[in-house]
PDB file of N, CA and C in Angstrom:
ATOM      1  N   MET A   1     -10.796  11.175  10.808  1.00  0.00           N
ATOM      2  CA  MET A   1     -10.931  12.296   9.774  1.00  0.00           C
ATOM      3  C   MET A   1     -12.228  12.275   9.253  1.00  0.00           C
ATOM      4  N   ARG A   2     -12.615  13.382   9.046  1.00  0.00           N
ATOM      5  CA  ARG A   2     -14.133  13.709   8.535  1.00  0.00           C
ATOM      6  C   ARG A   2     -14.365  13.609   7.190  1.00  0.00           C
ATOM      7  N   LEU A   3     -13.425  12.928   6.517  1.00  0.00           N
ATOM      8  CA  LEU A   3     -13.456  12.900   5.055  1.00  0.00           C
ATOM      9  C   LEU A   3     -14.635  12.176   4.451  1.00  0.00           C
ATOM     10  N   LYS A   4     -15.267  11.192   5.129  1.00  0.00           N
ATOM     11  CA  LYS A   4     -16.397  10.437   4.581  1.00  0.00           C
ATOM     12  C   LYS A   4     -17.652  11.402   4.849  1.00  0.00           C
ATOM     13  N   LYS A   5     -17.731  12.135   5.915  1.00  0.00           N
ATOM     14  CA  LYS A   5     -18.769  12.979   6.297  1.00  0.00           C
ATOM     15  C   LYS A   5     -18.996  13.975   5.229  1.00  0.00           C
ATOM     16  N   LEU A   6     -17.870  14.605   4.956  1.00  0.00           N
ATOM     17  CA  LEU A   6     -17.647  15.638   3.897  1.00  0.00           C
ATOM     18  C   LEU A   6     -18.298  15.025   2.482  1.00  0.00           C
ATOM     19  N   ARG A   7     -17.515  14.159   2.228  1.00  0.00           N
ATOM     20  CA  ARG A   7     -17.712  13.266   0.920  1.00  0.00           C
ATOM     21  C   ARG A   7     -19.222  13.113   0.768  1.00  0.00           C
ATOM     22  N   THR A   8     -19.926  12.263   1.651  1.00  0.00           N
ATOM     23  CA  THR A   8     -21.327  11.955   1.405  1.00  0.00           C
ATOM     24  C   THR A   8     -22.216  13.075   1.736  1.00  0.00           C
ATOM     25  N   GLY A   9     -21.692  14.054   2.393  1.00  0.00           N
ATOM     26  CA  GLY A   9     -22.668  15.126   2.467  1.00  0.00           C
ATOM     27  C   GLY A   9     -22.867  15.939   1.320  1.00  0.00           C
ATOM     28  N   ARG A  10     -21.865  15.783   0.452  1.00  0.00           N
ATOM     29  CA  ARG A  10     -21.919  16.472  -0.974  1.00  0.00           C
ATOM     30  C   ARG A  10     -22.319  15.247  -2.015  1.00  0.00           C
ATOM     31  N   HIS A  11     -22.665  14.223  -1.689  1.00  0.00           N
ATOM     32  CA  HIS A  11     -22.861  13.225  -2.730  1.00  0.00           C
ATOM     33  C   HIS A  11     -21.948  13.071  -3.477  1.00  0.00           C
ATOM     34  N   ILE A  12     -20.577  12.786  -3.277  1.00  0.00           N
ATOM     35  CA  ILE A  12     -19.393  12.574  -3.934  1.00  0.00           C
ATOM     36  C   ILE A  12     -19.344  11.127  -3.762  1.00  0.00           C
ATOM     37  N   SER A  13     -19.079  10.369  -4.728  1.00  0.00           N
ATOM     38  CA  SER A  13     -18.519   9.055  -4.695  1.00  0.00           C
ATOM     39  C   SER A  13     -16.910   8.905  -4.439  1.00  0.00           C
ATOM     40  N   GLN A  14     -16.465   7.965  -3.669  1.00  0.00           N
ATOM     41  CA  GLN A  14     -15.182   7.559  -3.436  1.00  0.00           C
ATOM     42  C   GLN A  14     -14.265   7.874  -4.783  1.00  0.00           C
ATOM     43  N   LEU A  15     -14.985   7.033  -5.773  1.00  0.00           N
ATOM     44  CA  LEU A  15     -14.147   7.111  -7.028  1.00  0.00           C
ATOM     45  C   LEU A  15     -13.991   8.616  -7.613  1.00  0.00           C
ATOM     46  N   LYS A  16     -15.064   9.095  -7.643  1.00  0.00           N
ATOM     47  CA  LYS A  16     -14.951  10.614  -8.175  1.00  0.00           C
ATOM     48  C   LYS A  16     -13.927  11.539  -7.285  1.00  0.00           C
ATOM     49  N   LEU A  17     -14.057  11.466  -6.050  1.00  0.00           N
ATOM     50  CA  LEU A  17     -13.069  12.257  -5.278  1.00  0.00           C
ATOM     51  C   LEU A  17     -11.783  11.909  -5.667  1.00  0.00           C
ATOM     52  N   ALA A  18     -11.410  10.240  -5.804  1.00  0.00           N
ATOM     53  CA  ALA A  18     -10.035   9.977  -5.991  1.00  0.00           C
ATOM     54  C   ALA A  18      -9.663  10.414  -7.442  1.00  0.00           C
ATOM     55  N   LEU A  19     -10.602  10.496  -8.516  1.00  0.00           N
ATOM     56  CA  LEU A  19     -10.186  11.036  -9.689  1.00  0.00           C
ATOM     57  C   LEU A  19      -9.801  12.463  -9.792  1.00  0.00           C
ATOM     58  N   ASP A  20     -10.758  13.105  -8.981  1.00  0.00           N
ATOM     59  CA  ASP A  20     -10.395  14.488  -8.892  1.00  0.00           C
ATOM     60  C   ASP A  20      -9.164  14.780  -8.385  1.00  0.00           C
ATOM     61  N   LEU A  21      -8.753  14.101  -7.319  1.00  0.00           N
ATOM     62  CA  LEU A  21      -7.570  14.332  -6.462  1.00  0.00           C
ATOM     63  C   LEU A  21      -6.352  13.661  -6.996  1.00  0.00           C
ATOM     64  N   GLY A  22      -6.471  12.961  -8.205  1.00  0.00           N
ATOM     65  CA  GLY A  22      -5.471  12.119  -8.592  1.00  0.00           C
ATOM     66  C   GLY A  22      -4.911  10.978  -7.835  1.00  0.00           C
ATOM     67  N   LEU A  23      -5.896  10.462  -7.056  1.00  0.00           N
ATOM     68  CA  LEU A  23      -5.638   9.248  -6.236  1.00  0.00           C
ATOM     69  C   LEU A  23      -6.269   8.188  -6.783  1.00  0.00           C
ATOM     70  N   CYS A  24      -6.160   6.984  -6.118  1.00  0.00           N
ATOM     71  CA  CYS A  24      -6.982   5.725  -6.372  1.00  0.00           C
ATOM     72  C   CYS A  24      -8.024   5.644  -5.221  1.00  0.00           C
ATOM     73  N   GLN A  25      -9.069   4.936  -5.925  1.00  0.00           N
ATOM     74  CA  GLN A  25     -10.422   4.870  -4.913  1.00  0.00           C
ATOM     75  C   GLN A  25      -9.883   4.227  -3.657  1.00  0.00           C
ATOM     76  N   ASN A  26      -9.071   3.105  -3.682  1.00  0.00           N
ATOM     77  CA  ASN A  26      -8.629   2.398  -2.457  1.00  0.00           C
ATOM     78  C   ASN A  26      -8.077   3.279  -1.518  1.00  0.00           C
ATOM     79  N   SER A  27      -7.352   4.182  -1.715  1.00  0.00           N
ATOM     80  CA  SER A  27      -6.815   5.241  -0.936  1.00  0.00           C
ATOM     81  C   SER A  27      -7.895   5.964  -0.177  1.00  0.00           C
ATOM     82  N   ILE A  28      -8.789   6.416  -0.924  1.00  0.00           N
ATOM     83  CA  ILE A  28      -9.875   6.997  -0.236  1.00  0.00           C
ATOM     84  C   ILE A  28     -10.719   6.288   1.019  1.00  0.00           C
ATOM     85  N   SER A  29     -10.907   5.145   0.439  1.00  0.00           N
ATOM     86  CA  SER A  29     -11.500   4.157   1.353  1.00  0.00           C
ATOM     87  C   SER A  29     -10.851   3.959   2.656  1.00  0.00           C
ATOM     88  N   ARG A  30      -9.287   3.804   2.320  1.00  0.00           N
ATOM     89  CA  ARG A  30      -8.536   3.569   3.666  1.00  0.00           C
ATOM     90  C   ARG A  30      -8.431   4.881   4.396  1.00  0.00           C
ATOM     91  N   TYR A  31      -8.400   6.155   3.821  1.00  0.00           N
ATOM     92  CA  TYR A  31      -8.419   7.261   4.734  1.00  0.00           C
ATOM     93  C   TYR A  31      -9.836   7.159   5.457  1.00  0.00           C
ATOM     94  N   GLU A  32     -10.824   6.821   4.794  1.00  0.00           N
ATOM     95  CA  GLU A  32     -12.180   6.920   5.536  1.00  0.00           C
ATOM     96  C   GLU A  32     -12.163   5.891   6.692  1.00  0.00           C
ATOM     97  N   THR A  33     -11.685   4.941   6.588  1.00  0.00           N
ATOM     98  CA  THR A  33     -11.859   3.879   7.417  1.00  0.00           C
ATOM     99  C   THR A  33     -10.673   3.844   8.639  1.00  0.00           C
ATOM    100  N   GLY A  34      -9.636   4.892   8.347  1.00  0.00           N
ATOM    101  CA  GLY A  34      -8.626   4.889   9.481  1.00  0.00           C
ATOM    102  C   GLY A  34      -7.538   3.866   9.260  1.00  0.00           C
ATOM    103  N   GLU A  35      -7.645   3.009   8.114  1.00  0.00           N
ATOM    104  CA  GLU A  35      -6.585   2.039   7.873  1.00  0.00           C
ATOM    105  C   GLU A  35      -5.330   2.738   7.299  1.00  0.00           C
ATOM    106  N   ARG A  36      -5.370   3.984   6.804  1.00  0.00           N
ATOM    107  CA  ARG A  36      -4.082   4.706   6.290  1.00  0.00           C
ATOM    108  C   ARG A  36      -4.183   6.105   6.708  1.00  0.00           C
ATOM    109  N   GLU A  37      -3.095   6.725   6.822  1.00  0.00           N
ATOM    110  CA  GLU A  37      -3.379   8.312   6.993  1.00  0.00           C
ATOM    111  C   GLU A  37      -2.815   9.019   5.679  1.00  0.00           C
ATOM    112  N   ALA A  38      -3.351  10.146   5.459  1.00  0.00           N
ATOM    113  CA  ALA A  38      -2.870  10.749   4.431  1.00  0.00           C
ATOM    114  C   ALA A  38      -1.608  11.719   4.644  1.00  0.00           C
ATOM    115  N   ASP A  39      -0.869  11.704   3.691  1.00  0.00           N
ATOM    116  CA  ASP A  39       0.495  12.569   3.780  1.00  0.00           C
ATOM    117  C   ASP A  39      -0.048  14.078   3.755  1.00  0.00           C
ATOM    118  N   TYR A  40       0.830  15.003   4.094  1.00  0.00           N
ATOM    119  CA  TYR A  40       0.595  16.490   4.142  1.00  0.00           C
ATOM    120  C   TYR A  40       0.161  16.886   2.730  1.00  0.00           C
ATOM    121  N   LYS A  41       0.867  16.331   1.755  1.00  0.00           N
ATOM    122  CA  LYS A  41       0.212  16.993   0.376  1.00  0.00           C
ATOM    123  C   LYS A  41      -1.158  16.584   0.082  1.00  0.00           C
ATOM    124  N   THR A  42      -1.720  15.404   0.477  1.00  0.00           N
ATOM    125  CA  THR A  42      -2.828  14.889   0.251  1.00  0.00           C
ATOM    126  C   THR A  42      -3.847  15.689   1.371  1.00  0.00           C
ATOM    127  N   LEU A  43      -3.550  15.911   2.488  1.00  0.00           N
ATOM    128  CA  LEU A  43      -4.206  16.737   3.360  1.00  0.00           C
ATOM    129  C   LEU A  43      -4.733  18.107   2.973  1.00  0.00           C
ATOM    130  N   ILE A  44      -3.668  18.717   2.386  1.00  0.00           N
ATOM    131  CA  ILE A  44      -3.839  19.971   1.859  1.00  0.00           C
ATOM    132  C   ILE A  44      -4.979  19.948   0.684  1.00  0.00           C
ATOM    133  N   ALA A  45      -4.712  18.898  -0.067  1.00  0.00           N
ATOM    134  CA  ALA A  45      -5.473  18.655  -1.384  1.00  0.00           C
ATOM    135  C   ALA A  45      -6.926  18.387  -1.052  1.00  0.00           C
ATOM    136  N   ILE A  46      -7.281  17.657   0.037  1.00  0.00           N
ATOM    137  CA  ILE A  46      -8.412  17.299   0.363  1.00  0.00           C
ATOM    138  C   ILE A  46      -9.240  18.551   1.144  1.00  0.00           C
ATOM    139  N   ALA A  47      -8.479  19.330   1.873  1.00  0.00           N
ATOM    140  CA  ALA A  47      -8.817  20.460   2.603  1.00  0.00           C
ATOM    141  C   ALA A  47      -9.375  21.517   1.529  1.00  0.00           C
ATOM    142  N   ASP A  48      -8.446  21.739   0.550  1.00  0.00           N
ATOM    143  CA  ASP A  48      -8.790  22.598  -0.515  1.00  0.00           C
ATOM    144  C   ASP A  48     -10.007  22.240  -1.167  1.00  0.00           C
ATOM    145  N   TYR A  49     -10.173  20.954  -1.628  1.00  0.00           N
ATOM    146  CA  TYR A  49     -11.257  20.403  -2.463  1.00  0.00           C
ATOM    147  C   TYR A  49     -12.564  20.743  -1.593  1.00  0.00           C
ATOM    148  N   PHE A  50     -12.618  20.646  -0.414  1.00  0.00           N
ATOM    149  CA  PHE A  50     -13.916  20.893   0.416  1.00  0.00           C
ATOM    150  C   PHE A  50     -13.866  22.124   0.922  1.00  0.00           C
ATOM    151  N   ASP A  51     -12.662  23.064   0.630  1.00  0.00           N
ATOM    152  CA  ASP A  51     -12.856  24.236   1.223  1.00  0.00           C
ATOM    153  C   ASP A  51     -13.056  24.273   2.712  1.00  0.00           C
ATOM    154  N   VAL A  52     -12.320  23.574   3.320  1.00  0.00           N
ATOM    155  CA  VAL A  52     -12.122  23.526   5.018  1.00  0.00           C
ATOM    156  C   VAL A  52     -10.773  23.668   5.371  1.00  0.00           C
ATOM    157  N   SER A  53     -10.832  23.849   6.694  1.00  0.00           N
ATOM    158  CA  SER A  53      -9.294  23.847   7.309  1.00  0.00           C
ATOM    159  C   SER A  53      -8.738  22.467   7.324  1.00  0.00           C
ATOM    160  N   ILE A  54      -7.450  22.290   7.472  1.00  0.00           N
ATOM    161  CA  ILE A  54      -7.045  21.037   7.722  1.00  0.00           C
ATOM    162  C   ILE A  54      -7.218  20.473   9.360  1.00  0.00           C
ATOM    163  N   ASP A  55      -7.366  21.577  10.277  1.00  0.00           N
ATOM    164  CA  ASP A  55      -7.697  21.148  11.578  1.00  0.00           C
ATOM    165  C   ASP A  55      -9.185  20.667  11.668  1.00  0.00           C
ATOM    166  N   TYR A  56     -10.164  21.203  10.844  1.00  0.00           N
ATOM    167  CA  TYR A  56     -11.575  20.571  10.880  1.00  0.00           C
ATOM    168  C   TYR A  56     -11.323  19.288  10.225  1.00  0.00           C
ATOM    169  N   LEU A  57     -10.724  18.982   9.092  1.00  0.00           N
ATOM    170  CA  LEU A  57     -10.582  17.746   8.452  1.00  0.00           C
ATOM    171  C   LEU A  57     -10.113  16.769   9.415  1.00  0.00           C
ATOM    172  N   LEU A  58      -9.109  17.129  10.586  1.00  0.00           N
ATOM    173  CA  LEU A  58      -8.466  16.195  11.356  1.00  0.00           C
ATOM    174  C   LEU A  58      -9.126  16.068  12.685  1.00  0.00           C
ATOM    175  N   GLU A  59     -10.418  16.778  12.646  1.00  0.00           N
ATOM    176  CA  GLU A  59     -11.329  16.770  13.750  1.00  0.00           C
ATOM    177  C   GLU A  59     -10.678  17.494  15.163  1.00  0.00           C
ATOM    178  N   ARG A  60      -9.748  18.770  14.716  1.00  0.00           N
ATOM    179  CA  ARG A  60      -9.163  19.347  15.985  1.00  0.00           C
ATOM    180  C   ARG A  60      -9.979  20.715  16.457  1.00  0.00           C
ATOM    181  N   THR A  61     -11.073  20.865  15.379  1.00  0.00           N
ATOM    182  CA  THR A  61     -11.769  21.821  15.617  1.00  0.00           C
ATOM    183  C   THR A  61     -13.178  21.613  14.893  1.00  0.00           C
ATOM    184  N   GLU A  62     -14.440  22.277  15.503  1.00  0.00           N
ATOM    185  CA  GLU A  62     -15.535  22.281  14.986  1.00  0.00           C
ATOM    186  C   GLU A  62     -15.785  23.235  13.858  1.00  0.00           C
ATOM    187  N   ASN A  63     -14.968  24.132  13.657  1.00  0.00           N
ATOM    188  CA  ASN A  63     -15.193  25.368  12.894  1.00  0.00           C
ATOM    189  C   ASN A  63     -14.530  24.867  11.590  1.00  0.00           C
ATOM    190  N   PRO A  64     -15.417  24.672  10.444  1.00  0.00           N
ATOM    191  CA  PRO A  64     -14.776  24.312   8.949  1.00  0.00           C
ATOM    192  C   PRO A  64     -14.011  25.480   8.390  1.00  0.00           C
ATOM    193  N   LYS A  65     -14.140  26.680   8.760  1.00  0.00           N
ATOM    194  CA  LYS A  65     -13.622  27.813   8.050  1.00  0.00           C
ATOM    195  C   LYS A  65     -12.231  27.611   8.309  1.00  0.00           C
ATOM    196  N   ARG A  66     -11.554  28.020   6.858  1.00  0.00           N
ATOM    197  CA  ARG A  66     -10.154  28.288   6.895  1.00  0.00           C
ATOM    198  C   ARG A  66      -9.637  29.708   7.177  1.00  0.00           C
ATOM    199  N   ASN A  67      -8.474  29.842   7.838  1.00  0.00           N
ATOM    200  CA  ASN A  67      -8.070  31.120   8.179  1.00  0.00           C
ATOM    201  C   ASN A  67      -7.379  31.878   7.112  1.00  0.00           C
TER     202      ASN A  67
END
């Protein structure tokens, strides 16, 4: 998942992202390392937060734009 790239590219800490999304920092860390996969609701929240498509977030496309 491109989460770490999106997060660090905008200079957002794991803690800030977690607080903004109502998650714990440990979850963000595990998503970024691939230790854990986000559920649908969380994927939607992350995609909305960064204004990208879920396909971009999951590396299924190089186009970040949402349809």
